[in-house]
C-alpha atoms as a PDB file:
ATOM      1  CA  MET A   1     104.057  71.467 124.465  1.00  0.00           C
ATOM      2  CA  LYS A   2     100.725  72.217 122.876  1.00  0.00           C
ATOM      3  CA  LYS A   3      99.614  75.393 124.626  1.00  0.00           C
ATOM      4  CA  VAL A   4     101.028  78.895 124.980  1.00  0.00           C
ATOM      5  CA  SER A   5     100.843  78.444 128.758  1.00  0.00           C
ATOM      6  CA  ASP A   6     103.234  75.451 128.531  1.00  0.00           C
ATOM      7  CA  LEU A   7     106.135  77.849 127.865  1.00  0.00           C
ATOM      8  CA  ASP A   8     107.996  80.304 130.078  1.00  0.00           C
ATOM      9  CA  TRP A   9     107.970  83.186 127.598  1.00  0.00           C
ATOM     10  CA  GLU A  10     110.163  85.349 129.823  1.00  0.00           C
ATOM     11  CA  LYS A  11     113.017  82.815 129.483  1.00  0.00           C
ATOM     12  CA  TRP A  12     112.145  81.698 125.944  1.00  0.00           C
ATOM     13  CA  ASP A  13     115.164  81.867 123.627  1.00  0.00           C
ATOM     14  CA  PRO A  14     114.188  81.681 119.934  1.00  0.00           C
ATOM     15  CA  LYS A  15     116.386  79.965 117.371  1.00  0.00           C
ATOM     16  CA  GLU A  16     115.746  82.707 114.774  1.00  0.00           C
ATOM     17  CA  ARG A  17     115.007  86.441 114.817  1.00  0.00           C
ATOM     18  CA  ALA A  18     113.192  87.963 111.868  1.00  0.00           C
ATOM     19  CA  THR A  19     111.020  90.810 110.604  1.00  0.00           C
ATOM     20  CA  LEU A  20     107.930  91.499 108.511  1.00  0.00           C
ATOM     21  CA  LEU A  21     107.177  94.844 106.847  1.00  0.00           C
ATOM     22  CA  PHE A  22     103.708  95.608 105.502  1.00  0.00           C
ATOM     23  CA  ILE A  23     103.027  98.389 103.015  1.00  0.00           C
ATOM     24  CA  LYS A  24      99.514  99.745 103.587  1.00  0.00           C
ATOM     25  CA  GLN A  25      97.979 102.308 101.255  1.00  0.00           C
ATOM     26  CA  GLY A  26      94.375 103.303 101.865  1.00  0.00           C
ATOM     27  CA  SER A  27      92.285 100.139 101.761  1.00  0.00           C
ATOM     28  CA  ARG A  28      95.060  98.049 100.190  1.00  0.00           C
ATOM     29  CA  LEU A  29      97.871  95.921 101.606  1.00  0.00           C
ATOM     30  CA  LEU A  30     100.937  94.830  99.644  1.00  0.00           C
ATOM     31  CA  LEU A  31     101.722  91.166 100.240  1.00  0.00           C
ATOM     32  CA  ILE A  32     104.126  88.764  98.597  1.00  0.00           C
ATOM     33  CA  HIS A  33     103.518  85.279  97.302  1.00  0.00           C
ATOM     34  CA  LYS A  34     106.614  83.633  98.757  1.00  0.00           C
ATOM     35  CA  LYS A  35     108.501  81.521  96.233  1.00  0.00           C
ATOM     36  CA  LEU A  36     111.349  80.160  98.412  1.00  0.00           C
ATOM     37  CA  GLY A  37     112.238  79.301 101.993  1.00  0.00           C
ATOM     38  CA  PHE A  38     110.173  79.356 105.163  1.00  0.00           C
ATOM     39  CA  GLY A  39     106.487  79.791 104.273  1.00  0.00           C
ATOM     40  CA  ALA A  40     107.005  79.194 100.534  1.00  0.00           C
ATOM     41  CA  GLY A  41     103.699  79.084  98.655  1.00  0.00           C
ATOM     42  CA  LEU A  42     101.913  81.320 101.162  1.00  0.00           C
ATOM     43  CA  TYR A  43     101.090  85.024 101.130  1.00  0.00           C
ATOM     44  CA  ASN A  44     102.830  87.181 103.708  1.00  0.00           C
ATOM     45  CA  ALA A  45     104.677  90.477 103.976  1.00  0.00           C
ATOM     46  CA  PRO A  46     108.257  90.868 102.844  1.00  0.00           C
ATOM     47  CA  GLY A  47     110.673  90.029 105.610  1.00  0.00           C
ATOM     48  CA  GLY A  48     113.284  87.640 106.811  1.00  0.00           C
ATOM     49  CA  ARG A  49     116.050  86.926 109.243  1.00  0.00           C
ATOM     50  CA  ILE A  50     117.913  89.678 111.049  1.00  0.00           C
ATOM     51  CA  GLU A  51     121.613  89.555 110.178  1.00  0.00           C
ATOM     52  CA  GLU A  52     124.500  90.026 112.618  1.00  0.00           C
ATOM     53  CA  GLY A  53     124.847  93.686 113.629  1.00  0.00           C
ATOM     54  CA  GLU A  54     121.481  94.700 112.119  1.00  0.00           C
ATOM     55  CA  THR A  55     118.580  96.261 113.978  1.00  0.00           C
ATOM     56  CA  PRO A  56     115.111  94.831 113.312  1.00  0.00           C
ATOM     57  CA  LEU A  57     114.200  98.021 111.405  1.00  0.00           C
ATOM     58  CA  GLU A  58     117.311  97.793 109.224  1.00  0.00           C
ATOM     59  CA  ALA A  59     116.549  94.142 108.498  1.00  0.00           C
ATOM     60  CA  ALA A  60     112.920  94.909 107.612  1.00  0.00           C
ATOM     61  CA  VAL A  61     113.934  97.620 105.137  1.00  0.00           C
ATOM     62  CA  ARG A  62     116.718  95.461 103.628  1.00  0.00           C
ATOM     63  CA  GLU A  63     114.434  92.462 103.195  1.00  0.00           C
ATOM     64  CA  THR A  64     111.750  94.618 101.540  1.00  0.00           C
ATOM     65  CA  GLN A  65     114.375  95.998  99.145  1.00  0.00           C
ATOM     66  CA  GLU A  66     115.656  92.491  98.341  1.00  0.00           C
ATOM     67  CA  GLU A  67     112.234  90.878  97.921  1.00  0.00           C
ATOM     68  CA  LEU A  68     110.285  93.674  96.192  1.00  0.00           C
ATOM     69  CA  CYS A  69     112.849  96.207  94.896  1.00  0.00           C
ATOM     70  CA  ILE A  70     111.215  99.023  96.891  1.00  0.00           C
ATOM     71  CA  THR A  71     112.387 101.085  99.858  1.00  0.00           C
ATOM     72  CA  PRO A  72     109.861 101.811 102.639  1.00  0.00           C
ATOM     73  CA  LEU A  73     110.094 105.469 103.683  1.00  0.00           C
ATOM     74  CA  ASP A  74     108.088 105.664 106.916  1.00  0.00           C
ATOM     75  CA  PRO A  75     108.263 102.304 108.726  1.00  0.00           C
ATOM     76  CA  VAL A  76     106.715 102.091 112.193  1.00  0.00           C
ATOM     77  CA  HIS A  77     107.034  99.191 114.640  1.00  0.00           C
ATOM     78  CA  VAL A  78     103.584  97.804 115.509  1.00  0.00           C
ATOM     79  CA  GLY A  79     104.066  94.352 116.951  1.00  0.00           C
ATOM     80  CA  THR A  80     106.057  91.375 118.103  1.00  0.00           C
ATOM     81  CA  LEU A  81     105.354  87.765 117.151  1.00  0.00           C
ATOM     82  CA  MET A  82     106.717  84.730 118.985  1.00  0.00           C
ATOM     83  CA  PHE A  83     106.339  81.309 117.406  1.00  0.00           C
ATOM     84  CA  GLN A  84     107.222  77.998 119.030  1.00  0.00           C
ATOM     85  CA  PHE A  85     106.958  74.892 116.868  1.00  0.00           C
ATOM     86  CA  THR A  86     106.531  71.442 118.412  1.00  0.00           C
ATOM     87  CA  ASP A  87     109.608  70.183 116.515  1.00  0.00           C
ATOM     88  CA  GLY A  88     111.784  72.639 118.503  1.00  0.00           C
ATOM     89  CA  PHE A  89     112.077  75.410 115.903  1.00  0.00           C
ATOM     90  CA  SER A  90     111.237  78.883 117.199  1.00  0.00           C
ATOM     91  CA  ILE A  91     111.182  82.356 115.725  1.00  0.00           C
ATOM     92  CA  HIS A  92     110.823  85.850 117.189  1.00  0.00           C
ATOM     93  CA  GLY A  93     109.537  88.419 114.709  1.00  0.00           C
ATOM     94  CA  GLU A  94     109.173  92.187 114.756  1.00  0.00           C
ATOM     95  CA  VAL A  95     106.337  93.636 112.654  1.00  0.00           C
ATOM     96  CA  PHE A  96     106.499  97.004 110.900  1.00  0.00           C
ATOM     97  CA  THR A  97     104.108  98.929 108.687  1.00  0.00           C
ATOM     98  CA  ALA A  98     104.742 101.709 106.186  1.00  0.00           C
ATOM     99  CA  THR A  99     102.516 103.803 103.952  1.00  0.00           C
ATOM    100  CA  LYS A 100     105.120 105.325 101.632  1.00  0.00           C
ATOM    101  CA  PHE A 101     107.866 103.782  99.535  1.00  0.00           C
ATOM    102  CA  GLU A 102     110.211 104.482  96.638  1.00  0.00           C
ATOM    103  CA  GLY A 103     110.356 102.251  93.603  1.00  0.00           C
ATOM    104  CA  THR A 104     107.964  99.859  91.894  1.00  0.00           C
ATOM    105  CA  PRO A 105     107.040  96.532  93.515  1.00  0.00           C
ATOM    106  CA  THR A 106     108.788  94.002  91.274  1.00  0.00           C
ATOM    107  CA  GLU A 107     108.894  90.195  91.202  1.00  0.00           C
ATOM    108  CA  THR A 108     112.197  88.730  92.381  1.00  0.00           C
ATOM    109  CA  ASP A 109     113.590  85.217  92.814  1.00  0.00           C
ATOM    110  CA  GLU A 110     112.014  85.156  96.295  1.00  0.00           C
ATOM    111  CA  ALA A 111     108.645  86.843  95.898  1.00  0.00           C
ATOM    112  CA  ILE A 112     105.789  87.937  93.659  1.00  0.00           C
ATOM    113  CA  PRO A 113     104.129  91.207  94.806  1.00  0.00           C
ATOM    114  CA  HIS A 114     100.333  91.417  95.049  1.00  0.00           C
ATOM    115  CA  TRP A 115      98.106  94.267  96.211  1.00  0.00           C
ATOM    116  CA  PHE A 116      95.008  93.069  98.073  1.00  0.00           C
ATOM    117  CA  GLU A 117      92.014  94.947  99.338  1.00  0.00           C
ATOM    118  CA  ILE A 118      92.126  94.631 103.121  1.00  0.00           C
ATOM    119  CA  ASP A 119      88.590  93.199 103.176  1.00  0.00           C
ATOM    120  CA  ALA A 120      89.586  90.536 100.600  1.00  0.00           C
ATOM    121  CA  LEU A 121      92.852  89.069 101.912  1.00  0.00           C
ATOM    122  CA  PRO A 122      93.658  85.490 100.758  1.00  0.00           C
ATOM    123  CA  TRP A 123      93.252  83.924 104.225  1.00  0.00           C
ATOM    124  CA  HIS A 124      92.963  80.433 102.684  1.00  0.00           C
ATOM    125  CA  ASN A 125      96.576  80.734 101.467  1.00  0.00           C
ATOM    126  CA  MET A 126      98.191  82.332 104.525  1.00  0.00           C
ATOM    127  CA  TRP A 127      99.540  81.176 107.898  1.00  0.00           C
ATOM    128  CA  GLU A 128      96.755  80.184 110.344  1.00  0.00           C
ATOM    129  CA  ASP A 129      97.806  82.879 112.841  1.00  0.00           C
ATOM    130  CA  ASP A 130      97.401  85.772 110.386  1.00  0.00           C
ATOM    131  CA  PRO A 131      93.641  86.371 110.947  1.00  0.00           C
ATOM    132  CA  VAL A 132      94.391  86.634 114.693  1.00  0.00           C
ATOM    133  CA  TRP A 133      96.811  89.578 114.559  1.00  0.00           C
ATOM    134  CA  TYR A 134      96.415  91.219 111.123  1.00  0.00           C
ATOM    135  CA  PRO A 135      93.380  93.247 112.283  1.00  0.00           C
ATOM    136  CA  LYS A 136      95.489  94.822 115.064  1.00  0.00           C
ATOM    137  CA  MET A 137      98.370  95.489 112.666  1.00  0.00           C
ATOM    138  CA  ILE A 138      96.047  97.004 110.041  1.00  0.00           C
ATOM    139  CA  ALA A 139      94.441  99.225 112.708  1.00  0.00           C
ATOM    140  CA  GLY A 140      97.891 100.389 113.844  1.00  0.00           C
ATOM    141  CA  GLU A 141      97.414  98.903 117.320  1.00  0.00           C
ATOM    142  CA  LYS A 142     100.519  97.618 119.095  1.00  0.00           C
ATOM    143  CA  PHE A 143     100.468  93.933 120.024  1.00  0.00           C
ATOM    144  CA  ILE A 144     102.430  90.893 121.130  1.00  0.00           C
ATOM    145  CA  GLY A 145     101.386  87.518 119.756  1.00  0.00           C
ATOM    146  CA  ARG A 146     102.501  84.168 121.144  1.00  0.00           C
ATOM    147  CA  PHE A 147     101.781  81.062 119.098  1.00  0.00           C
ATOM    148  CA  VAL A 148     102.347  77.325 119.242  1.00  0.00           C
ATOM    149  CA  PHE A 149     102.422  75.458 115.922  1.00  0.00           C
ATOM    150  CA  LYS A 150     102.754  71.873 114.820  1.00  0.00           C
ATOM    151  CA  GLU A 151     104.151  72.263 111.302  1.00  0.00           C
ATOM    152  CA  LYS A 152     101.623  74.602 109.585  1.00  0.00           C
ATOM    153  CA  THR A 153      98.825  73.989 112.112  1.00  0.00           C
ATOM    154  CA  MET A 154      98.278  76.496 114.913  1.00  0.00           C
ATOM    155  CA  LEU A 155      97.623  74.678 118.194  1.00  0.00           C
ATOM    156  CA  ASP A 156      97.214  77.670 120.522  1.00  0.00           C
ATOM    157  CA  TYR A 157      97.766  81.421 120.770  1.00  0.00           C
ATOM    158  CA  ARG A 158      97.615  84.425 123.049  1.00  0.00           C
ATOM    159  CA  LEU A 159      97.357  87.955 121.670  1.00  0.00           C
ATOM    160  CA  LEU A 160      98.217  90.833 123.990  1.00  0.00           C
ATOM    161  CA  LYS A 161      97.497  94.479 123.288  1.00  0.00           C
ATOM    162  CA  ILE A 162     100.213  96.956 124.264  1.00  0.00           C
ATOM    163  CA  GLN A 163      99.537 100.546 125.264  1.00  0.00           C
END
């Protein structure tokens, strides 16, 4: 499996379900430099695995609280990401954005917060798929992204816009 078309996405059953929650204020985006776990060393949004009995929104808010010590106040669902890795790992992610939050972004054991200007994101230190779907997320457009990866290398993708 090297292409998105090699998979039957309607029957696809991911091993993990997770979330990402982006805080966007004006021309800035709050990202984390991930210190531990999946994607350690890269910049991304706060997020993580959905726990038993949790909705994706509840998980996104909880993970943001745990990783940055802030509470998003107006989260909106903007997208869905589906990742299949050639080693068999797979993850289904729900993407949220918010513009308001309570608290002060604070470094934790998992993450270091960083504000970036949207036109100066650290693409060189992010997942290869991020430049594909971030523009839609930043614009508030709804999307579904399907990706095939071999380790940290993106082999193929398909990005669908949702009405």
